[in-house]
Protein backbone atom coordinates (compact mmCIF):
# COMPACT_ATOMS: atom_id res chain seq x y z
CA MET A 1 22.40 -0.48 -1.90
CA ARG A 2 20.08 -1.16 1.02
CA SER A 3 19.61 -4.65 2.40
CA TRP A 4 16.35 -5.87 3.88
CA PRO A 5 15.75 -7.99 6.98
CA ALA A 6 13.81 -11.11 6.07
CA LEU A 7 12.73 -14.52 7.29
CA ASP A 8 12.85 -17.70 5.23
CA VAL A 9 9.99 -19.94 6.36
CA GLN A 10 10.49 -23.56 5.34
CA GLY A 11 8.03 -26.37 4.62
CA SER A 12 5.68 -24.89 2.00
CA PRO A 13 3.60 -22.81 4.43
CA ASP A 14 0.33 -21.26 3.27
CA PRO A 15 1.33 -17.67 2.39
CA GLU A 16 -1.95 -16.10 3.51
CA LEU A 17 -1.94 -17.89 6.87
CA LEU A 18 1.69 -16.96 7.34
CA LEU A 19 0.93 -13.29 6.66
CA ALA A 20 -1.91 -13.42 9.16
CA ASP A 21 0.39 -14.94 11.80
CA ALA A 22 3.01 -12.26 11.13
CA ASP A 23 0.62 -9.30 10.76
CA GLU A 24 1.42 -7.64 14.10
CA PHE A 25 5.05 -7.31 13.00
CA SER A 26 4.11 -5.40 9.80
CA PRO A 27 5.79 -7.47 7.06
CA THR A 28 6.38 -5.32 3.98
CA ALA A 29 6.44 -8.03 1.28
CA LEU A 30 6.16 -11.75 0.69
CA ASP A 31 8.02 -13.87 -1.87
CA ASP A 32 6.43 -17.31 -2.36
CA ARG A 33 9.12 -19.74 -3.45
CA HIS A 34 6.85 -22.77 -2.92
CA ALA A 35 9.06 -24.87 -0.60
CA THR A 36 10.12 -21.65 1.15
CA VAL A 37 8.21 -18.42 1.75
CA ARG A 38 10.32 -15.32 2.33
CA LEU A 39 8.87 -12.55 4.48
CA TYR A 40 10.46 -9.09 4.38
CA PHE A 41 10.34 -6.49 7.14
CA ALA A 42 11.09 -2.77 7.40
CA THR A 43 13.38 -3.17 10.41
CA LYS A 44 15.51 -5.85 12.03
CA GLY A 45 13.52 -5.33 15.22
CA ASP A 46 10.27 -6.29 13.46
CA ARG A 47 12.00 -9.26 11.81
CA ASP A 48 13.55 -10.54 15.03
CA ALA A 49 10.29 -10.21 16.97
CA ALA A 50 8.44 -12.06 14.20
CA CYS A 51 11.14 -14.75 14.23
CA VAL A 52 10.55 -15.46 17.93
CA THR A 53 6.79 -15.76 17.45
CA LEU A 54 6.77 -17.68 14.16
CA ALA A 55 9.41 -20.15 15.38
CA ARG A 56 6.74 -21.62 17.65
CA GLY A 57 4.93 -23.03 14.63
CA TYR A 58 7.32 -22.82 11.67
CA ALA A 59 10.92 -23.58 10.73
CA VAL A 60 12.33 -20.06 10.25
CA GLU A 61 15.72 -18.59 9.37
CA PRO A 62 16.53 -14.85 9.67
CA ILE A 63 18.48 -13.46 6.68
CA GLU A 64 19.50 -10.17 5.02
CA VAL A 65 18.56 -9.64 1.34
CA ASP A 66 20.19 -7.02 -0.88
CA ASP A 67 17.70 -4.80 -2.68
CA HIS A 68 19.38 -5.54 -6.03
CA ASP A 69 18.56 -9.23 -5.57
CA TRP A 70 14.88 -8.29 -5.35
CA VAL A 71 15.13 -6.06 -8.43
CA ARG A 72 16.89 -8.80 -10.40
CA ARG A 73 14.09 -11.27 -9.55
CA SER A 74 11.55 -8.57 -10.47
CA GLN A 75 13.12 -8.14 -13.90
CA GLN A 76 12.67 -11.84 -14.48
CA ASN A 77 9.07 -12.00 -13.28
CA LEU A 78 7.26 -8.65 -13.22
CA GLU A 79 5.10 -7.76 -16.21
CA PRO A 80 2.74 -4.79 -16.68
CA ILE A 81 -0.54 -5.16 -14.83
CA THR A 82 -3.83 -3.42 -15.64
CA VAL A 83 -6.45 -2.44 -13.07
CA GLY A 84 -9.46 -0.80 -14.65
CA ARG A 85 -8.22 2.20 -16.65
CA ILE A 86 -4.71 2.16 -15.16
CA THR A 87 -1.73 0.08 -16.31
CA VAL A 88 1.26 -0.19 -13.98
CA ALA A 89 4.55 -1.15 -15.64
CA PRO A 90 8.21 -1.52 -14.66
CA PRO A 91 10.66 0.63 -16.66
CA TRP A 92 11.99 -2.31 -18.68
CA ALA A 93 8.53 -3.13 -20.07
CA GLY A 94 8.98 -0.40 -22.69
CA LEU A 95 5.63 1.29 -21.99
CA LYS A 96 5.77 5.07 -21.95
CA SER A 97 4.24 7.00 -19.10
CA CYS A 98 0.92 8.45 -20.27
CA ALA A 99 -2.59 9.27 -19.06
CA THR A 100 -3.37 5.60 -18.41
CA THR A 101 0.11 4.18 -17.66
CA ILE A 102 2.16 4.51 -14.48
CA VAL A 103 5.83 3.52 -14.47
CA ILE A 104 7.10 2.16 -11.15
CA GLU A 105 10.69 1.07 -10.46
CA PRO A 106 10.51 -2.10 -8.33
CA SER A 107 12.08 -2.03 -4.91
CA MET A 108 11.53 -4.77 -2.40
CA GLY A 109 9.97 -2.57 0.24
CA PHE A 110 7.45 -0.66 -1.84
CA GLY A 111 4.40 -1.49 -3.93
CA THR A 112 4.52 -2.15 -7.67
CA GLY A 113 0.81 -2.81 -8.21
CA HIS A 114 1.28 -6.55 -8.34
CA HIS A 115 -0.02 -7.18 -4.83
CA ALA A 116 -3.73 -7.62 -4.28
CA THR A 117 -3.86 -4.82 -1.68
CA THR A 118 -2.51 -2.26 -4.15
CA ARG A 119 -4.84 -3.47 -6.90
CA LEU A 120 -7.84 -3.14 -4.58
CA CYS A 121 -6.89 0.46 -3.74
CA LEU A 122 -6.35 1.29 -7.42
CA ALA A 123 -9.79 -0.15 -8.19
CA ALA A 124 -11.38 1.88 -5.39
CA LEU A 125 -9.77 5.11 -6.62
CA GLN A 126 -11.45 4.55 -9.97
CA THR A 127 -14.91 4.52 -8.38
CA ILE A 128 -14.40 8.17 -7.35
CA ASP A 129 -14.70 11.40 -9.30
CA LEU A 130 -11.31 12.88 -8.40
CA ALA A 131 -11.61 16.05 -10.47
CA GLY A 132 -10.31 18.95 -8.38
CA ALA A 133 -9.70 16.77 -5.31
CA PHE A 134 -6.87 16.89 -2.80
CA VAL A 135 -5.74 13.31 -2.12
CA LEU A 136 -3.73 12.27 0.95
CA ASP A 137 -1.93 8.93 0.59
CA VAL A 138 -0.85 7.61 3.99
CA GLY A 139 1.95 5.04 3.92
CA THR A 140 2.67 5.90 0.30
CA GLY A 141 5.55 3.46 -0.27
CA SER A 142 6.42 3.66 -3.97
CA GLY A 143 3.98 6.55 -4.41
CA ILE A 144 1.82 4.49 -6.75
CA LEU A 145 -1.55 5.56 -5.31
CA ALA A 146 -0.70 9.27 -5.19
CA ILE A 147 0.58 9.15 -8.77
CA ALA A 148 -2.51 7.19 -9.85
CA ALA A 149 -4.76 9.79 -8.19
CA ALA A 150 -3.07 12.53 -10.23
CA ARG A 151 -3.48 10.48 -13.40
CA LEU A 152 -7.17 10.09 -12.56
CA GLY A 153 -7.77 13.83 -12.25
CA ALA A 154 -6.85 14.88 -8.71
CA ALA A 155 -5.76 18.51 -8.47
CA ARG A 156 -3.20 17.73 -5.75
CA ALA A 157 -1.80 14.67 -3.99
CA LEU A 158 0.41 14.35 -0.93
CA GLY A 159 2.04 11.03 -0.12
CA ILE A 160 3.52 10.52 3.34
CA ASP A 161 5.55 7.67 4.80
CA SER A 162 7.63 7.26 7.95
CA ASP A 163 10.39 5.53 5.95
CA PRO A 164 12.80 7.98 4.23
CA ASP A 165 13.74 5.24 1.74
CA ALA A 166 10.10 4.97 0.71
CA ILE A 167 9.90 8.71 0.09
CA GLN A 168 13.09 8.58 -1.97
CA SER A 169 11.60 5.73 -4.01
CA ALA A 170 8.34 7.66 -4.49
CA ARG A 171 10.16 10.79 -5.65
CA GLU A 172 12.21 8.76 -8.14
CA ASN A 173 9.02 7.16 -9.47
CA LEU A 174 7.39 10.56 -9.84
CA VAL A 175 10.22 11.60 -12.18
CA LEU A 176 9.49 8.52 -14.33
CA ASN A 177 5.88 9.65 -14.85
CA VAL A 178 5.92 12.52 -17.30
CA GLY A 179 3.12 15.03 -16.93
CA VAL A 180 2.20 14.17 -13.35
CA GLY A 181 2.21 17.47 -11.51
CA HIS A 182 1.06 18.72 -8.11
CA VAL A 183 2.23 15.54 -6.34
CA VAL A 184 4.48 15.88 -3.29
CA PHE A 185 6.07 13.21 -1.09
CA GLU A 186 7.16 13.91 2.48
CA VAL A 187 8.55 11.92 5.42
CA ALA A 188 5.93 11.88 8.20
CA ASP A 189 4.68 9.42 10.81
CA LEU A 190 0.90 9.35 10.97
CA THR A 191 1.05 8.45 14.67
CA SER A 192 2.99 11.59 15.63
CA VAL A 193 1.93 14.36 13.23
CA GLN A 194 -1.37 16.07 12.57
CA LEU A 195 -2.54 14.97 9.15
CA PRO A 196 -3.89 17.62 6.77
CA THR A 197 -7.55 17.35 5.88
CA ALA A 198 -8.21 15.96 2.42
CA ASP A 199 -11.09 15.18 0.08
CA VAL A 200 -9.82 11.63 -0.42
CA VAL A 201 -7.60 9.69 1.98
CA THR A 202 -5.95 6.41 0.99
CA ALA A 203 -4.26 4.14 3.54
CA ASN A 204 -2.82 0.85 2.30
CA LEU A 205 -1.27 -0.29 5.57
CA THR A 206 -1.97 -3.39 7.68
CA GLY A 207 -5.12 -4.34 9.52
CA THR A 208 -3.46 -3.77 12.89
CA LEU A 209 -2.16 -0.32 11.94
CA LEU A 210 -5.47 0.72 10.38
CA VAL A 211 -7.24 -0.01 13.67
CA ARG A 212 -4.63 1.93 15.67
CA ALA A 213 -4.78 4.85 13.23
CA ALA A 214 -8.56 5.00 12.84
CA ALA A 215 -8.93 8.29 14.75
CA PRO A 216 -6.30 10.36 12.85
CA LEU A 217 -7.39 8.92 9.50
CA THR A 218 -11.03 9.81 10.25
CA ARG A 219 -10.09 13.34 11.34
CA ALA A 220 -8.12 13.84 8.12
CA LEU A 221 -11.17 13.18 5.92
CA CYS A 222 -13.36 16.11 4.86
CA PRO A 223 -17.09 15.59 5.51
CA GLY A 224 -18.86 13.87 2.66
CA PHE A 225 -15.72 12.59 1.00
CA THR A 226 -13.99 9.24 0.69
CA LEU A 227 -11.55 7.14 2.74
CA ILE A 228 -10.00 4.10 1.02
CA LEU A 229 -8.44 1.35 3.12
CA GLY A 230 -6.24 -1.54 2.00
CA GLY A 231 -3.80 -4.01 3.49
CA LEU A 232 -6.27 -5.93 5.64
CA LEU A 233 -6.89 -9.66 5.52
CA VAL A 234 -10.37 -11.18 5.34
CA ASP A 235 -10.31 -12.16 9.01
CA GLU A 236 -9.44 -8.55 9.95
CA ARG A 237 -12.35 -7.08 8.01
CA GLN A 238 -14.82 -6.78 10.88
CA VAL A 239 -12.43 -5.30 13.42
CA VAL A 240 -11.35 -2.70 10.86
CA ARG A 241 -14.97 -1.88 9.97
CA ASP A 242 -15.74 -1.53 13.68
CA ALA A 243 -12.81 0.89 14.11
CA PHE A 244 -14.34 3.12 11.42
CA ALA A 245 -17.95 2.72 12.63
CA SER A 246 -18.50 6.49 12.62
CA LEU A 247 -18.17 6.48 8.82
CA GLU A 248 -20.61 5.27 6.20
CA SER A 249 -19.64 2.19 4.22
CA LEU A 250 -19.52 2.86 0.47
CA TRP A 251 -17.60 0.08 -1.22
CA GLU A 252 -16.03 -3.26 -0.48
CA ASN A 253 -14.15 -5.74 -2.60
CA ARG A 254 -12.06 -8.84 -2.05
CA GLU A 255 -9.15 -10.39 -3.91
CA ASP A 256 -7.72 -13.67 -2.65
CA GLU A 257 -7.50 -13.25 1.13
CA TRP A 258 -7.36 -9.45 1.03
CA VAL A 259 -10.14 -6.87 1.43
CA GLY A 260 -10.44 -3.28 0.23
CA LEU A 261 -12.89 -0.89 1.88
CA ALA A 262 -14.15 2.62 1.18
CA PHE A 263 -16.08 4.89 3.55
CA SER A 264 -17.52 8.40 3.50
CA LYS A 265 -17.68 10.86 6.37
CA PRO A 266 -21.18 12.12 7.14
CA GLY A 267 -21.62 15.70 5.99
CA THR A 268 -23.07 17.93 3.32
CA ALA A 269 -20.42 17.43 0.62
CA ARG A 270 -20.89 14.68 -1.91
CA SER A 271 -18.94 11.46 -1.36
CA GLY A 272 -17.72 11.46 -4.94
CA LEU A 273 -18.54 7.79 -5.43
CA MET A 274 -19.97 7.12 -8.88
């Protein structure tokens, strides 16, 4: 089973401030253990670079964490969570996949719906009439947003991620969700491939990556339709909004220190926002 590069940060640091300090290194998850906060990263390179920077202000220790350790902790702590009309549940919760329930197998690197950024994106999806839409989910991780889009009426959904392990996780989660059709997951790096155009684009990334990817994400959106952004902290809100200044702001929400945004691309088609 895969192991994950991580940093243990000692001394009861503020998790949100720690995430902000580590944002440029793209941490994939945070485990608040009170006296210690554990930050996970996709690669050892990201972890080691973060270690050098964070060591200037924190007591840090680089470690490797087996994925099964994360799953075992998840089984102890993760319960079903409901966002609007959608309930997200781990397999052991005993809830069957249905029109309003998504089953997601926890893995350390990929979203389960329990993080504020994922909840904000799920909430934003439910402000849109998805009937007949093609949804592109960039940085799909566990596939939760693409699967949710299909549950909410999308005709097709494509989830892409540069991490092959994420795509494997997404495909396994798709199998757990009976009746979800027309959803495909593919390995692709948004910085090096031309994205297909879509009626709805979701991108739950990081504030830094959203700014860098503003041009390809904007090009991928059909005129008049909706782009949903997540993964940005409150203090990144303005720089992200500025990066998407060519789009019209439609929706904004905040949970804890995280912000979700939705935009439409000027054009003749309806935005779909209800």
